């Protein structure tokens, strides 16, 4: 089973060359390669809670500190934590 990145799971379509790239811009998680490979994702695709200004709940989120409480409630965050088990990197 291939691990999904946040833009695939959430279907926001803001990945590089995604359907919403021109309308909403590319998601910072899709271009943050300093986090590439974390939790088995591409760029920060499985580490999006650490990236400022991602699109969640149809609104752009703020800094890591501002958005983290919402991220802990996110279905994708919970999925990644479950899939990674002891190897989960928060």
PDB file of N, CA and C in Angstrom:
ATOM      1  N   UNK A   1       0.842  -1.184   0.000  1.00  0.00           N
ATOM      2  CA  UNK A   1       0.000   0.000   0.000  1.00  0.00           C
ATOM      3  C   UNK A   1       0.887   1.248   0.000  1.00  0.00           C
ATOM      4  N   UNK A   2       0.685   2.116  -0.963  1.00  0.00           N
ATOM      5  CA  UNK A   2       1.442   3.370  -1.032  1.00  0.00           C
ATOM      6  C   UNK A   2       0.914   4.349   0.013  1.00  0.00           C
ATOM      7  N   UNK A   3       1.839   5.027   0.652  1.00  0.00           N
ATOM      8  CA  UNK A   3       1.461   6.033   1.642  1.00  0.00           C
ATOM      9  C   UNK A   3       1.065   7.313   0.926  1.00  0.00           C
ATOM     10  N   UNK A   4      -0.068   7.880   1.304  1.00  0.00           N
ATOM     11  CA  UNK A   4      -0.544   9.096   0.676  1.00  0.00           C
ATOM     12  C   UNK A   4       0.068  10.321   1.348  1.00  0.00           C
ATOM     13  N   UNK A   5       0.306  11.336   0.533  1.00  0.00           N
ATOM     14  CA  UNK A   5       0.695  12.638   1.035  1.00  0.00           C
ATOM     15  C   UNK A   5      -0.576  13.414   1.363  1.00  0.00           C
ATOM     16  N   UNK A   6      -0.428  14.502   2.105  1.00  0.00           N
ATOM     17  CA  UNK A   6      -1.596  15.254   2.555  1.00  0.00           C
ATOM     18  C   UNK A   6      -2.473  15.726   1.399  1.00  0.00           C
ATOM     19  N   UNK A   7      -1.859  16.214   0.308  1.00  0.00           N
ATOM     20  CA  UNK A   7      -2.650  16.730  -0.805  1.00  0.00           C
ATOM     21  C   UNK A   7      -3.424  15.626  -1.503  1.00  0.00           C
ATOM     22  N   UNK A   8      -2.938  14.396  -1.418  1.00  0.00           N
ATOM     23  CA  UNK A   8      -3.674  13.264  -1.990  1.00  0.00           C
ATOM     24  C   UNK A   8      -4.818  12.860  -1.064  1.00  0.00           C
ATOM     25  N   UNK A   9      -4.531  12.787   0.213  1.00  0.00           N
ATOM     26  CA  UNK A   9      -5.541  12.386   1.196  1.00  0.00           C
ATOM     27  C   UNK A   9      -6.663  13.419   1.293  1.00  0.00           C
ATOM     28  N   UNK A  10      -6.290  14.691   1.373  1.00  0.00           N
ATOM     29  CA  UNK A  10      -7.276  15.768   1.543  1.00  0.00           C
ATOM     30  C   UNK A  10      -7.903  16.221   0.229  1.00  0.00           C
ATOM     31  N   UNK A  11      -7.301  15.803  -0.884  1.00  0.00           N
ATOM     32  CA  UNK A  11      -7.803  16.151  -2.218  1.00  0.00           C
ATOM     33  C   UNK A  11      -7.918  17.665  -2.416  1.00  0.00           C
ATOM     34  N   UNK A  12      -6.928  18.397  -1.913  1.00  0.00           N
ATOM     35  CA  UNK A  12      -6.931  19.855  -2.076  1.00  0.00           C
ATOM     36  C   UNK A  12      -6.485  20.265  -3.467  1.00  0.00           C
ATOM     37  N   UNK A  13      -5.763  19.385  -4.152  1.00  0.00           N
ATOM     38  CA  UNK A  13      -5.315  19.593  -5.529  1.00  0.00           C
ATOM     39  C   UNK A  13      -4.341  20.757  -5.677  1.00  0.00           C
ATOM     40  N   UNK A  14      -3.590  21.065  -4.605  1.00  0.00           N
ATOM     41  CA  UNK A  14      -2.615  22.159  -4.638  1.00  0.00           C
ATOM     42  C   UNK A  14      -1.188  21.656  -4.773  1.00  0.00           C
ATOM     43  N   UNK A  15      -0.999  20.414  -5.206  1.00  0.00           N
ATOM     44  CA  UNK A  15       0.347  19.908  -5.442  1.00  0.00           C
ATOM     45  C   UNK A  15       0.917  20.562  -6.696  1.00  0.00           C
ATOM     46  N   UNK A  16       2.212  20.405  -6.910  1.00  0.00           N
ATOM     47  CA  UNK A  16       2.847  20.944  -8.110  1.00  0.00           C
ATOM     48  C   UNK A  16       2.147  20.363  -9.339  1.00  0.00           C
ATOM     49  N   UNK A  17       1.753  21.212 -10.253  1.00  0.00           N
ATOM     50  CA  UNK A  17       1.001  20.867 -11.454  1.00  0.00           C
ATOM     51  C   UNK A  17      -0.390  20.291 -11.146  1.00  0.00           C
ATOM     52  N   UNK A  18      -0.901  20.550  -9.961  1.00  0.00           N
ATOM     53  CA  UNK A  18      -2.239  20.088  -9.597  1.00  0.00           C
ATOM     54  C   UNK A  18      -3.322  20.973 -10.193  1.00  0.00           C
ATOM     55  N   UNK A  19      -4.554  20.475 -10.236  1.00  0.00           N
ATOM     56  CA  UNK A  19      -5.665  21.219 -10.835  1.00  0.00           C
ATOM     57  C   UNK A  19      -5.926  22.592 -10.215  1.00  0.00           C
ATOM     58  N   UNK A  20      -5.595  22.783  -8.955  1.00  0.00           N
ATOM     59  CA  UNK A  20      -5.866  24.069  -8.293  1.00  0.00           C
ATOM     60  C   UNK A  20      -4.614  24.935  -8.145  1.00  0.00           C
ATOM     61  N   UNK A  21      -3.514  24.528  -8.770  1.00  0.00           N
ATOM     62  CA  UNK A  21      -2.260  25.269  -8.631  1.00  0.00           C
ATOM     63  C   UNK A  21      -2.420  26.733  -9.072  1.00  0.00           C
ATOM     64  N   UNK A  22      -3.028  26.968 -10.216  1.00  0.00           N
ATOM     65  CA  UNK A  22      -3.169  28.341 -10.712  1.00  0.00           C
ATOM     66  C   UNK A  22      -4.155  29.142  -9.861  1.00  0.00           C
ATOM     67  N   UNK A  23      -5.219  28.525  -9.429  1.00  0.00           N
ATOM     68  CA  UNK A  23      -6.261  29.213  -8.661  1.00  0.00           C
ATOM     69  C   UNK A  23      -5.827  29.525  -7.232  1.00  0.00           C
ATOM     70  N   UNK A  24      -5.227  28.544  -6.540  1.00  0.00           N
ATOM     71  CA  UNK A  24      -4.910  28.693  -5.120  1.00  0.00           C
ATOM     72  C   UNK A  24      -3.420  28.720  -4.804  1.00  0.00           C
ATOM     73  N   UNK A  25      -2.598  28.424  -5.803  1.00  0.00           N
ATOM     74  CA  UNK A  25      -1.162  28.354  -5.570  1.00  0.00           C
ATOM     75  C   UNK A  25      -0.757  26.967  -5.100  1.00  0.00           C
ATOM     76  N   UNK A  26       0.534  26.707  -5.167  1.00  0.00           N
ATOM     77  CA  UNK A  26       1.056  25.417  -4.726  1.00  0.00           C
ATOM     78  C   UNK A  26       1.165  25.426  -3.205  1.00  0.00           C
ATOM     79  N   UNK A  27       0.768  24.347  -2.597  1.00  0.00           N
ATOM     80  CA  UNK A  27       0.848  24.219  -1.144  1.00  0.00           C
ATOM     81  C   UNK A  27       2.309  24.180  -0.705  1.00  0.00           C
ATOM     82  N   UNK A  28       2.659  24.913   0.349  1.00  0.00           N
ATOM     83  CA  UNK A  28       4.034  24.889   0.840  1.00  0.00           C
ATOM     84  C   UNK A  28       4.507  23.488   1.242  1.00  0.00           C
ATOM     85  N   UNK A  29       3.612  22.628   1.650  1.00  0.00           N
ATOM     86  CA  UNK A  29       4.010  21.257   2.013  1.00  0.00           C
ATOM     87  C   UNK A  29       4.496  20.483   0.790  1.00  0.00           C
ATOM     88  N   UNK A  30       3.972  20.821  -0.373  1.00  0.00           N
ATOM     89  CA  UNK A  30       4.344  20.118  -1.605  1.00  0.00           C
ATOM     90  C   UNK A  30       5.698  20.560  -2.149  1.00  0.00           C
ATOM     91  N   UNK A  31       6.221  21.666  -1.647  1.00  0.00           N
ATOM     92  CA  UNK A  31       7.498  22.176  -2.151  1.00  0.00           C
ATOM     93  C   UNK A  31       8.574  22.256  -1.081  1.00  0.00           C
ATOM     94  N   UNK A  32       8.266  21.836   0.123  1.00  0.00           N
ATOM     95  CA  UNK A  32       9.234  21.906   1.225  1.00  0.00           C
ATOM     96  C   UNK A  32      10.059  20.627   1.255  1.00  0.00           C
ATOM     97  N   UNK A  33      11.125  20.609   0.474  1.00  0.00           N
ATOM     98  CA  UNK A  33      11.947  19.406   0.378  1.00  0.00           C
ATOM     99  C   UNK A  33      12.936  19.257   1.522  1.00  0.00           C
ATOM    100  N   UNK A  34      12.975  20.221   2.433  1.00  0.00           N
ATOM    101  CA  UNK A  34      13.810  20.048   3.624  1.00  0.00           C
ATOM    102  C   UNK A  34      13.208  18.970   4.534  1.00  0.00           C
ATOM    103  N   UNK A  35      11.950  18.666   4.319  1.00  0.00           N
ATOM    104  CA  UNK A  35      11.259  17.624   5.096  1.00  0.00           C
ATOM    105  C   UNK A  35      11.019  16.367   4.256  1.00  0.00           C
ATOM    106  N   UNK A  36      11.645  16.288   3.092  1.00  0.00           N
ATOM    107  CA  UNK A  36      11.433  15.162   2.192  1.00  0.00           C
ATOM    108  C   UNK A  36      11.731  13.828   2.877  1.00  0.00           C
ATOM    109  N   UNK A  37      10.791  12.914   2.756  1.00  0.00           N
ATOM    110  CA  UNK A  37      10.975  11.576   3.310  1.00  0.00           C
ATOM    111  C   UNK A  37      10.459  11.408   4.733  1.00  0.00           C
ATOM    112  N   UNK A  38      10.170  12.501   5.429  1.00  0.00           N
ATOM    113  CA  UNK A  38       9.656  12.363   6.796  1.00  0.00           C
ATOM    114  C   UNK A  38       8.357  11.575   6.768  1.00  0.00           C
ATOM    115  N   UNK A  39       8.256  10.599   7.599  1.00  0.00           N
ATOM    116  CA  UNK A  39       7.090   9.714   7.681  1.00  0.00           C
ATOM    117  C   UNK A  39       6.759   9.079   6.326  1.00  0.00           C
ATOM    118  N   UNK A  40       7.770   8.962   5.473  1.00  0.00           N
ATOM    119  CA  UNK A  40       7.594   8.293   4.190  1.00  0.00           C
ATOM    120  C   UNK A  40       6.932   9.128   3.120  1.00  0.00           C
ATOM    121  N   UNK A  41       6.915  10.451   3.277  1.00  0.00           N
ATOM    122  CA  UNK A  41       6.238  11.302   2.309  1.00  0.00           C
ATOM    123  C   UNK A  41       7.153  11.982   1.316  1.00  0.00           C
ATOM    124  N   UNK A  42       6.542  12.559   0.306  1.00  0.00           N
ATOM    125  CA  UNK A  42       7.244  13.364  -0.683  1.00  0.00           C
ATOM    126  C   UNK A  42       7.204  14.813  -0.207  1.00  0.00           C
ATOM    127  N   UNK A  43       8.345  15.497  -0.267  1.00  0.00           N
ATOM    128  CA  UNK A  43       8.477  16.862   0.278  1.00  0.00           C
ATOM    129  C   UNK A  43       7.994  16.792   1.742  1.00  0.00           C
ATOM    130  N   UNK A  44       7.093  17.662   2.130  1.00  0.00           N
ATOM    131  CA  UNK A  44       6.552  17.600   3.502  1.00  0.00           C
ATOM    132  C   UNK A  44       5.129  17.052   3.489  1.00  0.00           C
ATOM    133  N   UNK A  45       4.856  16.182   2.530  1.00  0.00           N
ATOM    134  CA  UNK A  45       3.514  15.650   2.340  1.00  0.00           C
ATOM    135  C   UNK A  45       2.986  14.784   3.459  1.00  0.00           C
ATOM    136  N   UNK A  46       3.863  14.278   4.307  1.00  0.00           N
ATOM    137  CA  UNK A  46       3.422  13.518   5.479  1.00  0.00           C
ATOM    138  C   UNK A  46       4.026  14.138   6.740  1.00  0.00           C
ATOM    139  N   UNK A  47       4.229  15.459   6.655  1.00  0.00           N
ATOM    140  CA  UNK A  47       4.787  16.238   7.754  1.00  0.00           C
ATOM    141  C   UNK A  47       4.227  17.659   7.683  1.00  0.00           C
ATOM    142  N   UNK A  48       3.037  17.784   7.100  1.00  0.00           N
ATOM    143  CA  UNK A  48       2.441  19.084   6.785  1.00  0.00           C
ATOM    144  C   UNK A  48       2.154  19.936   8.011  1.00  0.00           C
ATOM    145  N   UNK A  49       1.958  19.311   9.161  1.00  0.00           N
ATOM    146  CA  UNK A  49       1.666  20.075  10.385  1.00  0.00           C
ATOM    147  C   UNK A  49       2.823  20.967  10.804  1.00  0.00           C
ATOM    148  N   UNK A  50       4.015  20.701  10.295  1.00  0.00           N
ATOM    149  CA  UNK A  50       5.187  21.517  10.620  1.00  0.00           C
ATOM    150  C   UNK A  50       5.422  22.641   9.610  1.00  0.00           C
ATOM    151  N   UNK A  51       4.559  22.748   8.597  1.00  0.00           N
ATOM    152  CA  UNK A  51       4.745  23.732   7.535  1.00  0.00           C
ATOM    153  C   UNK A  51       3.682  24.822   7.646  1.00  0.00           C
ATOM    154  N   UNK A  52       4.135  26.062   7.732  1.00  0.00           N
ATOM    155  CA  UNK A  52       3.216  27.199   7.826  1.00  0.00           C
ATOM    156  C   UNK A  52       2.464  27.408   6.513  1.00  0.00           C
ATOM    157  N   UNK A  53       1.268  27.930   6.649  1.00  0.00           N
ATOM    158  CA  UNK A  53       0.432  28.380   5.534  1.00  0.00           C
ATOM    159  C   UNK A  53      -0.037  27.278   4.591  1.00  0.00           C
ATOM    160  N   UNK A  54      -0.253  26.087   5.140  1.00  0.00           N
ATOM    161  CA  UNK A  54      -0.903  25.041   4.345  1.00  0.00           C
ATOM    162  C   UNK A  54      -2.401  25.337   4.320  1.00  0.00           C
ATOM    163  N   UNK A  55      -3.101  24.749   3.383  1.00  0.00           N
ATOM    164  CA  UNK A  55      -4.539  24.942   3.254  1.00  0.00           C
ATOM    165  C   UNK A  55      -5.245  23.796   3.956  1.00  0.00           C
ATOM    166  N   UNK A  56      -5.943  24.114   5.020  1.00  0.00           N
ATOM    167  CA  UNK A  56      -6.675  23.089   5.774  1.00  0.00           C
ATOM    168  C   UNK A  56      -8.066  23.624   6.061  1.00  0.00           C
ATOM    169  N   UNK A  57      -9.061  22.800   5.842  1.00  0.00           N
ATOM    170  CA  UNK A  57     -10.426  23.247   6.072  1.00  0.00           C
ATOM    171  C   UNK A  57     -10.791  24.430   5.192  1.00  0.00           C
ATOM    172  N   UNK A  58     -10.282  24.445   3.976  1.00  0.00           N
ATOM    173  CA  UNK A  58     -10.546  25.495   2.991  1.00  0.00           C
ATOM    174  C   UNK A  58     -10.058  26.876   3.401  1.00  0.00           C
ATOM    175  N   UNK A  59      -9.108  26.927   4.339  1.00  0.00           N
ATOM    176  CA  UNK A  59      -8.508  28.218   4.681  1.00  0.00           C
ATOM    177  C   UNK A  59      -7.017  28.032   4.929  1.00  0.00           C
ATOM    178  N   UNK A  60      -6.274  29.069   4.612  1.00  0.00           N
ATOM    179  CA  UNK A  60      -4.837  29.023   4.807  1.00  0.00           C
ATOM    180  C   UNK A  60      -4.554  29.111   6.306  1.00  0.00           C
ATOM    181  N   UNK A  61      -3.734  28.188   6.769  1.00  0.00           N
ATOM    182  CA  UNK A  61      -3.366  28.133   8.179  1.00  0.00           C
ATOM    183  C   UNK A  61      -2.175  29.048   8.436  1.00  0.00           C
ATOM    184  N   UNK A  62      -1.950  29.359   9.686  1.00  0.00           N
ATOM    185  CA  UNK A  62      -0.846  30.240  10.051  1.00  0.00           C
ATOM    186  C   UNK A  62       0.437  29.489  10.336  1.00  0.00           C
ATOM    187  N   UNK A  63       1.141  29.946  11.342  1.00  0.00           N
ATOM    188  CA  UNK A  63       2.412  29.355  11.729  1.00  0.00           C
ATOM    189  C   UNK A  63       2.192  27.983  12.354  1.00  0.00           C
ATOM    190  N   UNK A  64       3.290  27.287  12.538  1.00  0.00           N
ATOM    191  CA  UNK A  64       3.251  25.978  13.194  1.00  0.00           C
ATOM    192  C   UNK A  64       2.558  26.077  14.553  1.00  0.00           C
ATOM    193  N   UNK A  65       2.941  27.038  15.359  1.00  0.00           N
ATOM    194  CA  UNK A  65       2.370  27.193  16.703  1.00  0.00           C
ATOM    195  C   UNK A  65       0.880  27.511  16.654  1.00  0.00           C
ATOM    196  N   UNK A  66       0.461  28.294  15.671  1.00  0.00           N
ATOM    197  CA  UNK A  66      -0.951  28.660  15.556  1.00  0.00           C
ATOM    198  C   UNK A  66      -1.815  27.498  15.091  1.00  0.00           C
ATOM    199  N   UNK A  67      -1.289  26.680  14.214  1.00  0.00           N
ATOM    200  CA  UNK A  67      -2.120  25.637  13.622  1.00  0.00           C
ATOM    201  C   UNK A  67      -2.027  24.279  14.313  1.00  0.00           C
ATOM    202  N   UNK A  68      -1.018  24.069  15.136  1.00  0.00           N
ATOM    203  CA  UNK A  68      -0.785  22.746  15.722  1.00  0.00           C
ATOM    204  C   UNK A  68      -1.989  22.174  16.487  1.00  0.00           C
ATOM    205  N   UNK A  69      -2.703  22.954  17.304  1.00  0.00           N
ATOM    206  CA  UNK A  69      -3.868  22.358  17.979  1.00  0.00           C
ATOM    207  C   UNK A  69      -4.885  21.766  16.999  1.00  0.00           C
ATOM    208  N   UNK A  70      -5.104  22.448  15.876  1.00  0.00           N
ATOM    209  CA  UNK A  70      -6.017  21.905  14.859  1.00  0.00           C
ATOM    210  C   UNK A  70      -5.432  20.657  14.215  1.00  0.00           C
ATOM    211  N   UNK A  71      -4.127  20.656  14.001  1.00  0.00           N
ATOM    212  CA  UNK A  71      -3.477  19.508  13.368  1.00  0.00           C
ATOM    213  C   UNK A  71      -3.629  18.242  14.214  1.00  0.00           C
ATOM    214  N   UNK A  72      -3.561  18.378  15.523  1.00  0.00           N
ATOM    215  CA  UNK A  72      -3.712  17.210  16.397  1.00  0.00           C
ATOM    216  C   UNK A  72      -5.096  16.575  16.255  1.00  0.00           C
ATOM    217  N   UNK A  73      -6.073  17.336  15.779  1.00  0.00           N
ATOM    218  CA  UNK A  73      -7.427  16.826  15.578  1.00  0.00           C
ATOM    219  C   UNK A  73      -7.668  16.350  14.144  1.00  0.00           C
ATOM    220  N   UNK A  74      -6.710  16.597  13.267  1.00  0.00           N
ATOM    221  CA  UNK A  74      -6.856  16.306  11.841  1.00  0.00           C
ATOM    222  C   UNK A  74      -6.843  14.798  11.565  1.00  0.00           C
ATOM    223  N   UNK A  75      -7.738  14.353  10.693  1.00  0.00           N
ATOM    224  CA  UNK A  75      -7.797  12.934  10.340  1.00  0.00           C
ATOM    225  C   UNK A  75      -6.520  12.474   9.644  1.00  0.00           C
ATOM    226  N   UNK A  76      -5.893  13.339   8.874  1.00  0.00           N
ATOM    227  CA  UNK A  76      -4.655  12.952   8.197  1.00  0.00           C
ATOM    228  C   UNK A  76      -3.509  12.799   9.191  1.00  0.00           C
ATOM    229  N   UNK A  77      -3.374  13.709  10.126  1.00  0.00           N
ATOM    230  CA  UNK A  77      -2.349  13.612  11.167  1.00  0.00           C
ATOM    231  C   UNK A  77      -2.512  12.289  11.924  1.00  0.00           C
ATOM    232  N   UNK A  78      -3.735  11.976  12.290  1.00  0.00           N
ATOM    233  CA  UNK A  78      -4.012  10.731  13.023  1.00  0.00           C
ATOM    234  C   UNK A  78      -3.691   9.507  12.164  1.00  0.00           C
ATOM    235  N   UNK A  79      -3.984   9.576  10.864  1.00  0.00           N
ATOM    236  CA  UNK A  79      -3.679   8.472   9.958  1.00  0.00           C
ATOM    237  C   UNK A  79      -2.176   8.241   9.868  1.00  0.00           C
ATOM    238  N   UNK A  80      -1.414   9.309   9.673  1.00  0.00           N
ATOM    239  CA  UNK A  80       0.041   9.183   9.567  1.00  0.00           C
ATOM    240  C   UNK A  80       0.610   8.629  10.863  1.00  0.00           C
ATOM    241  N   UNK A  81       0.153   9.148  11.989  1.00  0.00           N
ATOM    242  CA  UNK A  81       0.635   8.661  13.281  1.00  0.00           C
ATOM    243  C   UNK A  81       0.344   7.172  13.435  1.00  0.00           C
ATOM    244  N   UNK A  82      -0.823   6.747  13.011  1.00  0.00           N
ATOM    245  CA  UNK A  82      -1.199   5.335  13.091  1.00  0.00           C
ATOM    246  C   UNK A  82      -0.364   4.480  12.136  1.00  0.00           C
ATOM    247  N   UNK A  83      -0.207   4.926  10.894  1.00  0.00           N
ATOM    248  CA  UNK A  83       0.549   4.161   9.916  1.00  0.00           C
ATOM    249  C   UNK A  83       2.037   4.034  10.291  1.00  0.00           C
ATOM    250  N   UNK A  84       2.596   5.088  10.859  1.00  0.00           N
ATOM    251  CA  UNK A  84       4.027   5.089  11.173  1.00  0.00           C
ATOM    252  C   UNK A  84       4.348   4.405  12.496  1.00  0.00           C
ATOM    253  N   UNK A  85       3.400   4.337  13.404  1.00  0.00           N
ATOM    254  CA  UNK A  85       3.636   3.675  14.690  1.00  0.00           C
ATOM    255  C   UNK A  85       4.836   4.261  15.406  1.00  0.00           C
ATOM    256  N   UNK A  86       5.747   3.408  15.834  1.00  0.00           N
ATOM    257  CA  UNK A  86       6.921   3.844  16.602  1.00  0.00           C
ATOM    258  C   UNK A  86       7.880   4.706  15.780  1.00  0.00           C
ATOM    259  N   UNK A  87       7.771   4.663  14.462  1.00  0.00           N
ATOM    260  CA  UNK A  87       8.647   5.466  13.600  1.00  0.00           C
ATOM    261  C   UNK A  87       8.086   6.868  13.308  1.00  0.00           C
ATOM    262  N   UNK A  88       6.915   7.187  13.858  1.00  0.00           N
ATOM    263  CA  UNK A  88       6.270   8.476  13.604  1.00  0.00           C
ATOM    264  C   UNK A  88       7.161   9.616  14.043  1.00  0.00           C
ATOM    265  N   UNK A  89       7.297  10.607  13.151  1.00  0.00           N
ATOM    266  CA  UNK A  89       8.083  11.806  13.458  1.00  0.00           C
ATOM    267  C   UNK A  89       7.150  12.982  13.526  1.00  0.00           C
ATOM    268  N   UNK A  90       7.020  13.547  14.699  1.00  0.00           N
ATOM    269  CA  UNK A  90       6.139  14.699  14.853  1.00  0.00           C
ATOM    270  C   UNK A  90       6.977  15.938  14.867  1.00  0.00           C
TER     271      UNK A  90
END
